[in-house]
Amino acid sequence: MDIVVARLVALLVVASLVAILARRLRLPYTVGLVATGLGLSFLGTGGGEGLTHDLIFIVVLPPLLFEAALGISWREFRRDALPVVVLATLGVVAAAAVVAAGMVFVLAWPLDAALIFGTLIAATDPVAVIAMFKDNRVSGRVRVLVESESLLNDGVAAVLFGLVLAWTEGVPMSTGGAATDLLVIAGGGILVGLACGVLAVALAGRLADHLVETGLSAVAAYGSFLAAEHWRMSGVMATLAAGLIVKTPGLFAAPRHKSPQGTRFLDEFWEFAAFVVNSGVFLLIGLAVPAKAFARLGFVPLAVAIILVLIGRAAVVYGICLPFARTRWAVPAGQQHVLWWGGLRGALGLALALALPHRLAYRDEIVTTTFAVVVFSVIVQGITMPVLLRWTGILGRKSDRLLE
């Protein structure tokens, strides 16, 4: 117990110092954490072994996803739901196909390994994306588009990854069966999240106590995730659905009186929870980077993989936004550039890669390549994002409303 408390205190100290330094240097906070982790790993301090699939999935994802859902305006999301859903579904499939094809034809990877890597790296990561936008104080439609898509495509990518992994392991599966499984797993997760959210709202509505309300929100966040995963459904979708219910109780549940103190405390509690787990996961990413594996695999193949991921993201963003060009959902060119370059990869891809069975051929190559893409994404794309936001005129804009 003493070791756990000491590590938590050390984490908060490092996170606070990095946050202060990052503000002074005008760098994204997540970049500072990964860079600090890299520095500590080169000094041989260890600690990177703590980054595991279970840690990311069970400890990190629920509070981050729930806090992100609390920050989404249902009214704004509903207005852009069509392009967001298309990007999060067809976009994930298309990105996975582009990356997998490139890994096969350019790097000569076997099809099984290429498909696994393509699906786990296809989705943008809400942990990294939301942290980046908070660092840059971006608001308006572009933030709704990018954050909403990253939240939804996580669930789709996780489900698709499970189906692809099952197929590579020889489980018989038809196209229709895979589509049905995708709908059942994602839809079932949403239903579990709705049930948990409605139950939490109903119980909280009987008490005028902001501490109990916040405690019930924590139960909804973790309970929905764990229940959905237990029933082999999407925990990501469940937590997102629960967060939307708690944030907007009148959406599916009976609205209740909520004091300003309760609302403020709820938001601040989850903001702090997200700060703590964000700090931990990005610091551990830096500590766990397999530098020797990078050298063994070769920096040219890793660079090619990074380029393929960027090409896949570009094909999805520009290709899907094109049909909406003459509709009320039209996405301006500047916002499309931000959607492309702001599609960061992070904790979810690493969690899926680390969950791969050790007997799987090319497992080490997949894990190492995933780390390379994540580090490039967080550091390079994170550092250059403010430049792109200023170039497109989005940074500093007070509003960026939907084009009617």
Protein backbone atom coordinates (compact mmCIF):
# COMPACT_ATOMS: atom_id res chain seq x y z
CA MET A 1 0.00 0.00 0.00
CA ASP A 2 2.86 2.38 0.85
CA ILE A 3 4.38 1.79 -2.59
CA VAL A 4 1.07 2.54 -4.35
CA VAL A 5 0.59 5.79 -2.41
CA ALA A 6 4.20 6.82 -3.02
CA ARG A 7 3.85 6.20 -6.76
CA LEU A 8 0.60 8.18 -6.89
CA VAL A 9 2.21 11.11 -5.08
CA ALA A 10 5.23 10.93 -7.40
CA LEU A 11 2.90 10.90 -10.39
CA LEU A 12 1.07 14.01 -9.19
CA VAL A 13 4.36 15.80 -8.52
CA VAL A 14 5.74 14.98 -11.98
CA ALA A 15 2.43 15.81 -13.68
CA SER A 16 2.20 19.17 -11.91
CA LEU A 17 5.79 20.10 -12.74
CA VAL A 18 5.34 19.06 -16.37
CA ALA A 19 2.10 21.05 -16.59
CA ILE A 20 3.83 24.18 -15.26
CA LEU A 21 6.79 23.78 -17.61
CA ALA A 22 4.56 23.02 -20.60
CA ARG A 23 2.54 26.19 -19.96
CA ARG A 24 5.73 28.25 -19.81
CA LEU A 25 7.05 26.73 -23.04
CA ARG A 26 3.60 26.85 -24.67
CA LEU A 27 3.74 23.15 -25.43
CA PRO A 28 0.84 20.69 -25.27
CA TYR A 29 0.71 19.09 -21.86
CA THR A 30 0.56 15.55 -23.30
CA VAL A 31 3.72 16.19 -25.33
CA GLY A 32 5.52 17.21 -22.16
CA LEU A 33 4.44 14.04 -20.37
CA VAL A 34 5.52 11.69 -23.17
CA ALA A 35 8.83 13.56 -23.54
CA THR A 36 9.39 13.33 -19.78
CA GLY A 37 8.66 9.61 -19.87
CA LEU A 38 11.11 9.17 -22.75
CA GLY A 39 13.78 11.03 -20.82
CA LEU A 40 13.24 8.94 -17.71
CA SER A 41 13.34 5.72 -19.74
CA PHE A 42 16.69 6.66 -21.30
CA LEU A 43 17.99 7.34 -17.78
CA GLY A 44 17.06 3.77 -16.89
CA THR A 45 14.51 4.61 -14.19
CA GLY A 46 12.12 1.86 -15.32
CA GLY A 47 8.37 1.91 -14.77
CA GLY A 48 7.28 1.34 -18.36
CA GLU A 49 6.30 -2.23 -17.57
CA GLY A 50 3.27 -0.79 -15.76
CA LEU A 51 1.60 0.04 -19.09
CA THR A 52 -0.64 -2.95 -19.70
CA HIS A 53 -3.87 -3.66 -21.55
CA ASP A 54 -5.80 -4.08 -18.29
CA LEU A 55 -4.48 -0.81 -16.87
CA ILE A 56 -5.52 1.14 -19.96
CA PHE A 57 -8.85 -0.60 -20.46
CA ILE A 58 -10.09 -0.95 -16.88
CA VAL A 59 -8.48 2.01 -15.09
CA VAL A 60 -7.77 4.68 -17.70
CA LEU A 61 -10.47 4.53 -20.38
CA PRO A 62 -13.68 4.73 -18.26
CA PRO A 63 -12.96 8.09 -16.57
CA LEU A 64 -11.51 9.64 -19.72
CA LEU A 65 -14.41 8.55 -21.90
CA PHE A 66 -16.97 9.56 -19.29
CA GLU A 67 -15.41 12.99 -18.78
CA ALA A 68 -15.30 13.49 -22.54
CA ALA A 69 -18.98 12.55 -22.86
CA LEU A 70 -19.82 15.08 -20.15
CA GLY A 71 -18.17 17.75 -22.31
CA ILE A 72 -20.23 17.01 -25.43
CA SER A 73 -23.26 19.16 -26.14
CA TRP A 74 -26.06 16.85 -27.26
CA ARG A 75 -27.63 19.66 -29.31
CA GLU A 76 -24.39 20.33 -31.20
CA PHE A 77 -23.64 16.64 -31.64
CA ARG A 78 -27.13 15.96 -33.01
CA ARG A 79 -26.72 18.68 -35.65
CA ASP A 80 -23.53 17.04 -36.96
CA ALA A 81 -24.46 13.43 -36.20
CA LEU A 82 -24.57 12.26 -39.83
CA PRO A 83 -20.98 13.14 -40.87
CA VAL A 84 -19.68 12.09 -37.44
CA VAL A 85 -21.32 8.66 -37.64
CA VAL A 86 -20.12 8.12 -41.22
CA LEU A 87 -16.56 9.08 -40.25
CA ALA A 88 -16.69 6.81 -37.19
CA THR A 89 -18.02 3.76 -39.04
CA LEU A 90 -17.18 3.69 -42.73
CA GLY A 91 -14.15 5.84 -41.97
CA VAL A 92 -12.67 3.28 -39.58
CA VAL A 93 -13.17 0.46 -42.07
CA ALA A 94 -11.67 2.50 -44.93
CA ALA A 95 -8.67 3.63 -42.86
CA ALA A 96 -7.99 0.07 -41.73
CA ALA A 97 -8.15 -1.16 -45.34
CA VAL A 98 -5.76 1.53 -46.63
CA VAL A 99 -3.20 0.90 -43.88
CA ALA A 100 -3.44 -2.89 -44.18
CA ALA A 101 -3.00 -2.73 -47.97
CA GLY A 102 0.04 -0.51 -47.58
CA MET A 103 1.62 -2.78 -44.97
CA VAL A 104 1.17 -5.76 -47.33
CA PHE A 105 2.33 -4.19 -50.60
CA VAL A 106 4.97 -1.76 -49.31
CA LEU A 107 6.43 -3.52 -46.25
CA ALA A 108 5.58 -7.10 -47.30
CA TRP A 109 3.76 -7.91 -44.06
CA PRO A 110 1.53 -11.00 -44.09
CA LEU A 111 -2.16 -10.19 -44.58
CA ASP A 112 -3.19 -11.33 -41.09
CA ALA A 113 -0.72 -9.07 -39.30
CA ALA A 114 -1.48 -6.15 -41.63
CA LEU A 115 -5.22 -6.41 -40.99
CA ILE A 116 -4.72 -6.56 -37.23
CA PHE A 117 -2.45 -3.51 -37.26
CA GLY A 118 -4.76 -1.65 -39.64
CA THR A 119 -7.82 -2.11 -37.42
CA LEU A 120 -6.16 -1.29 -34.11
CA ILE A 121 -4.55 1.89 -35.48
CA ALA A 122 -7.53 3.03 -37.58
CA ALA A 123 -9.38 4.93 -34.86
CA THR A 124 -8.31 8.28 -33.52
CA ASP A 125 -7.86 8.23 -29.77
CA PRO A 126 -10.13 10.43 -27.60
CA VAL A 127 -7.55 10.49 -24.79
CA ALA A 128 -4.98 12.23 -27.00
CA VAL A 129 -7.43 14.25 -29.12
CA ILE A 130 -9.38 15.78 -26.24
CA ALA A 131 -6.22 16.58 -24.29
CA MET A 132 -4.78 18.32 -27.36
CA PHE A 133 -7.86 20.49 -27.89
CA LYS A 134 -7.96 21.43 -24.21
CA ASP A 135 -4.32 22.46 -24.38
CA ASN A 136 -5.03 24.68 -27.38
CA ARG A 137 -8.37 25.96 -26.04
CA VAL A 138 -10.17 25.07 -29.24
CA SER A 139 -13.95 25.38 -29.25
CA GLY A 140 -16.78 25.46 -31.76
CA ARG A 141 -17.86 23.05 -34.43
CA VAL A 142 -14.43 21.67 -35.28
CA ARG A 143 -13.95 20.51 -31.69
CA VAL A 144 -17.38 18.83 -31.69
CA LEU A 145 -16.58 17.07 -34.96
CA VAL A 146 -13.14 15.80 -33.95
CA GLU A 147 -13.98 14.83 -30.37
CA SER A 148 -17.31 13.20 -31.20
CA GLU A 149 -15.77 11.19 -34.01
CA SER A 150 -12.84 10.06 -31.87
CA LEU A 151 -15.21 8.91 -29.13
CA LEU A 152 -17.47 6.94 -31.48
CA ASN A 153 -14.80 5.43 -33.70
CA ASP A 154 -13.03 4.01 -30.64
CA GLY A 155 -15.93 1.68 -30.02
CA VAL A 156 -16.20 0.73 -33.69
CA ALA A 157 -12.46 0.09 -33.98
CA ALA A 158 -12.35 -2.01 -30.80
CA VAL A 159 -15.23 -4.19 -32.03
CA LEU A 160 -13.76 -4.48 -35.54
CA PHE A 161 -10.39 -5.40 -34.04
CA GLY A 162 -11.98 -8.25 -32.08
CA LEU A 163 -13.67 -9.59 -35.20
CA VAL A 164 -10.47 -9.40 -37.28
CA LEU A 165 -8.45 -11.09 -34.54
CA ALA A 166 -11.01 -13.89 -34.32
CA TRP A 167 -10.86 -14.33 -38.10
CA THR A 168 -7.05 -14.50 -38.12
CA GLU A 169 -7.23 -17.19 -35.41
CA GLY A 170 -9.42 -19.34 -37.63
CA VAL A 171 -12.89 -18.63 -36.25
CA PRO A 172 -15.34 -19.14 -39.15
CA MET A 173 -17.13 -15.91 -39.97
CA SER A 174 -19.22 -14.63 -42.87
CA THR A 175 -19.58 -11.01 -43.93
CA GLY A 176 -23.18 -10.96 -42.74
CA GLY A 177 -22.22 -12.59 -39.46
CA ALA A 178 -19.43 -10.09 -38.86
CA ALA A 179 -21.80 -7.17 -39.53
CA THR A 180 -24.36 -8.66 -37.15
CA ASP A 181 -21.73 -9.17 -34.45
CA LEU A 182 -20.60 -5.57 -34.91
CA LEU A 183 -24.13 -4.26 -34.43
CA VAL A 184 -24.84 -6.53 -31.46
CA ILE A 185 -21.62 -5.69 -29.62
CA ALA A 186 -21.84 -1.93 -30.25
CA GLY A 187 -25.61 -1.72 -29.81
CA GLY A 188 -25.54 -3.90 -26.72
CA GLY A 189 -22.88 -1.67 -25.20
CA ILE A 190 -25.04 1.40 -25.84
CA LEU A 191 -28.06 -0.25 -24.20
CA VAL A 192 -26.01 -1.21 -21.14
CA GLY A 193 -24.72 2.36 -20.87
CA LEU A 194 -28.22 3.82 -21.22
CA ALA A 195 -29.51 1.52 -18.48
CA CYS A 196 -26.67 2.42 -16.10
CA GLY A 197 -27.03 6.13 -16.84
CA VAL A 198 -30.81 6.14 -16.35
CA LEU A 199 -30.45 4.20 -13.08
CA ALA A 200 -27.82 6.63 -11.78
CA VAL A 201 -29.95 9.64 -12.72
CA ALA A 202 -33.06 8.11 -11.11
CA LEU A 203 -31.23 7.41 -7.86
CA ALA A 204 -29.55 10.81 -7.77
CA GLY A 205 -32.88 12.52 -8.40
CA ARG A 206 -34.13 11.30 -5.03
CA LEU A 207 -31.38 13.15 -3.15
CA ALA A 208 -30.20 16.74 -3.21
CA ASP A 209 -26.59 15.87 -2.43
CA HIS A 210 -23.84 16.72 -4.91
CA LEU A 211 -21.46 14.20 -3.31
CA VAL A 212 -23.93 11.35 -3.82
CA GLU A 213 -24.60 12.53 -7.39
CA THR A 214 -20.91 12.49 -8.18
CA GLY A 215 -20.45 9.09 -6.53
CA LEU A 216 -23.28 7.66 -8.62
CA SER A 217 -21.71 9.13 -11.76
CA ALA A 218 -18.50 7.21 -10.94
CA VAL A 219 -20.54 4.03 -10.51
CA ALA A 220 -22.19 4.69 -13.89
CA ALA A 221 -18.83 5.29 -15.58
CA TYR A 222 -17.05 2.18 -14.32
CA GLY A 223 -20.13 0.01 -13.85
CA SER A 224 -21.34 0.45 -17.43
CA PHE A 225 -17.87 -0.30 -18.82
CA LEU A 226 -17.30 -3.40 -16.70
CA ALA A 227 -20.83 -4.74 -17.21
CA ALA A 228 -20.63 -4.37 -20.99
CA GLU A 229 -17.20 -6.01 -21.15
CA HIS A 230 -18.43 -8.84 -18.92
CA TRP A 231 -21.25 -9.55 -21.37
CA ARG A 232 -18.82 -9.31 -24.30
CA MET A 233 -20.17 -5.99 -25.51
CA SER A 234 -18.48 -2.65 -26.09
CA GLY A 235 -17.44 -1.04 -22.83
CA VAL A 236 -16.41 2.09 -24.72
CA MET A 237 -19.90 2.57 -26.14
CA ALA A 238 -21.45 1.82 -22.75
CA THR A 239 -19.45 4.46 -20.91
CA LEU A 240 -20.12 7.06 -23.60
CA ALA A 241 -23.87 6.39 -23.45
CA ALA A 242 -23.84 6.59 -19.65
CA GLY A 243 -21.96 9.89 -19.79
CA LEU A 244 -24.48 11.42 -22.19
CA ILE A 245 -27.35 10.41 -19.90
CA VAL A 246 -25.71 11.86 -16.79
CA LYS A 247 -24.83 15.06 -18.65
CA THR A 248 -28.27 15.46 -20.24
CA PRO A 249 -30.77 13.65 -17.96
CA GLY A 250 -33.75 14.97 -19.93
CA LEU A 251 -32.49 13.13 -23.03
CA PHE A 252 -33.75 9.69 -22.09
CA ALA A 253 -34.43 9.94 -18.36
CA ALA A 254 -36.75 12.21 -16.41
CA PRO A 255 -35.06 15.59 -15.82
CA ARG A 256 -34.25 16.43 -12.23
CA HIS A 257 -33.43 19.55 -10.30
CA LYS A 258 -29.71 20.04 -10.11
CA SER A 259 -28.06 22.84 -8.19
CA PRO A 260 -25.26 24.92 -9.74
CA GLN A 261 -23.02 23.60 -6.97
CA GLY A 262 -23.78 20.01 -7.98
CA THR A 263 -23.13 20.66 -11.67
CA ARG A 264 -19.89 22.51 -10.97
CA PHE A 265 -18.64 19.87 -8.54
CA LEU A 266 -19.43 17.05 -10.99
CA ASP A 267 -17.55 18.75 -13.82
CA GLU A 268 -14.56 19.63 -11.64
CA PHE A 269 -14.35 16.14 -10.14
CA TRP A 270 -14.23 14.48 -13.56
CA GLU A 271 -11.83 17.08 -14.88
CA PHE A 272 -9.42 16.26 -12.04
CA ALA A 273 -9.92 12.50 -12.55
CA ALA A 274 -9.11 12.93 -16.24
CA PHE A 275 -6.02 14.97 -15.34
CA VAL A 276 -4.70 12.21 -13.07
CA VAL A 277 -5.27 9.29 -15.45
CA ASN A 278 -4.12 11.35 -18.46
CA SER A 279 -0.90 12.14 -16.63
CA GLY A 280 -0.34 8.52 -15.78
CA VAL A 281 -1.01 7.02 -19.20
CA PHE A 282 1.06 9.52 -21.21
CA LEU A 283 3.96 9.34 -18.77
CA LEU A 284 3.87 5.54 -18.97
CA ILE A 285 3.77 5.69 -22.78
CA GLY A 286 7.05 7.58 -22.72
CA LEU A 287 8.56 5.20 -20.16
CA ALA A 288 7.46 2.11 -22.10
CA VAL A 289 8.72 3.15 -25.54
CA PRO A 290 10.79 0.20 -26.86
CA ALA A 291 13.76 2.17 -28.22
CA LYS A 292 15.85 -0.95 -28.82
CA ALA A 293 12.95 -2.56 -30.67
CA PHE A 294 12.72 0.54 -32.87
CA ALA A 295 16.35 0.10 -33.90
CA ARG A 296 15.91 -3.64 -34.42
CA LEU A 297 12.83 -3.24 -36.61
CA GLY A 298 14.37 -0.36 -38.55
CA PHE A 299 13.47 3.32 -38.62
CA VAL A 300 12.63 3.31 -42.35
CA PRO A 301 9.83 0.70 -42.01
CA LEU A 302 8.51 2.58 -38.98
CA ALA A 303 8.50 5.83 -40.96
CA VAL A 304 6.67 4.09 -43.80
CA ALA A 305 4.04 2.79 -41.35
CA ILE A 306 3.54 6.31 -39.97
CA ILE A 307 3.10 7.70 -43.49
CA LEU A 308 0.60 4.95 -44.33
CA VAL A 309 -1.45 5.82 -41.24
CA LEU A 310 -1.48 9.50 -42.26
CA ILE A 311 -2.49 8.56 -45.83
CA GLY A 312 -5.29 6.36 -44.53
CA ARG A 313 -6.57 9.18 -42.33
CA ALA A 314 -6.38 11.65 -45.22
CA ALA A 315 -8.32 9.33 -47.53
CA VAL A 316 -11.05 8.99 -44.93
CA VAL A 317 -11.41 12.66 -44.00
CA TYR A 318 -11.23 14.22 -47.47
CA GLY A 319 -13.07 11.35 -49.14
CA ILE A 320 -16.01 11.31 -46.71
CA CYS A 321 -16.31 15.10 -46.43
CA LEU A 322 -16.56 15.45 -50.23
CA PRO A 323 -20.17 14.14 -50.57
CA PHE A 324 -21.28 16.61 -47.87
CA ALA A 325 -19.74 19.60 -49.70
CA ARG A 326 -23.07 20.95 -51.00
CA THR A 327 -25.20 20.09 -47.98
CA ARG A 328 -25.92 21.67 -44.62
CA TRP A 329 -23.20 19.40 -43.17
CA ALA A 330 -20.45 20.83 -45.38
CA VAL A 331 -17.06 20.85 -43.65
CA PRO A 332 -14.80 23.77 -44.72
CA ALA A 333 -11.34 22.91 -46.02
CA GLY A 334 -9.60 24.30 -42.93
CA GLN A 335 -11.65 22.09 -40.64
CA GLN A 336 -10.91 19.08 -42.84
CA HIS A 337 -7.18 19.75 -42.42
CA VAL A 338 -7.66 19.82 -38.63
CA LEU A 339 -9.72 16.61 -38.77
CA TRP A 340 -6.87 14.96 -40.65
CA TRP A 341 -3.85 16.17 -38.70
CA GLY A 342 -5.75 16.17 -35.40
CA GLY A 343 -6.52 12.46 -35.70
CA LEU A 344 -4.05 11.45 -33.00
CA ARG A 345 -3.40 7.87 -31.94
CA GLY A 346 -2.89 7.00 -28.30
CA ALA A 347 -3.90 4.74 -25.44
CA LEU A 348 -6.59 2.68 -27.14
CA GLY A 349 -4.33 1.48 -29.96
CA LEU A 350 -1.66 0.55 -27.43
CA ALA A 351 -4.19 -1.30 -25.29
CA LEU A 352 -5.35 -3.37 -28.26
CA ALA A 353 -1.78 -4.08 -29.37
CA LEU A 354 -0.72 -5.12 -25.86
CA ALA A 355 -3.76 -7.44 -25.67
CA LEU A 356 -2.55 -9.52 -28.62
CA PRO A 357 -1.70 -13.11 -27.66
CA HIS A 358 2.03 -13.75 -27.37
CA ARG A 359 1.79 -16.74 -29.70
CA LEU A 360 0.61 -14.49 -32.54
CA ALA A 361 3.06 -14.17 -35.41
CA TYR A 362 4.35 -10.61 -35.90
CA ARG A 363 3.11 -9.59 -32.43
CA ASP A 364 6.36 -7.82 -31.56
CA GLU A 365 6.38 -5.97 -34.88
CA ILE A 366 2.77 -4.85 -34.38
CA VAL A 367 3.39 -3.61 -30.83
CA THR A 368 6.61 -1.79 -31.79
CA THR A 369 5.03 -0.15 -34.83
CA THR A 370 2.03 0.93 -32.76
CA PHE A 371 4.32 2.59 -30.23
CA ALA A 372 6.13 4.41 -33.06
CA VAL A 373 2.86 5.73 -34.52
CA VAL A 374 1.60 6.84 -31.09
CA VAL A 375 4.83 8.64 -30.18
CA PHE A 376 4.92 10.42 -33.55
CA SER A 377 1.24 11.28 -33.23
CA VAL A 378 1.43 12.73 -29.74
CA ILE A 379 4.74 14.57 -30.10
CA VAL A 380 4.98 15.67 -33.74
CA GLN A 381 1.30 16.19 -34.48
CA GLY A 382 0.69 17.57 -31.01
CA ILE A 383 3.47 20.17 -31.28
CA THR A 384 2.52 21.28 -34.80
CA MET A 385 -1.24 21.43 -34.21
CA PRO A 386 -1.20 25.05 -32.89
CA VAL A 387 0.55 26.10 -36.10
CA LEU A 388 -2.14 24.44 -38.20
CA LEU A 389 -4.91 25.93 -36.06
CA ARG A 390 -3.47 29.43 -36.54
CA TRP A 391 -2.91 28.84 -40.27
CA THR A 392 -6.52 27.75 -40.77
CA GLY A 393 -7.80 30.66 -38.67
CA ILE A 394 -9.51 28.36 -36.17
CA LEU A 395 -7.38 29.19 -33.13
CA GLY A 396 -8.84 32.13 -31.27
CA ARG A 397 -12.18 31.99 -33.06
CA LYS A 398 -15.00 32.60 -30.61
CA SER A 399 -17.53 30.55 -32.50
CA ASP A 400 -17.59 28.24 -35.42
CA ARG A 401 -21.21 27.41 -35.99
CA LEU A 402 -22.71 24.86 -38.30
CA LEU A 403 -23.24 26.21 -41.79
CA GLU A 404 -26.94 26.40 -42.50
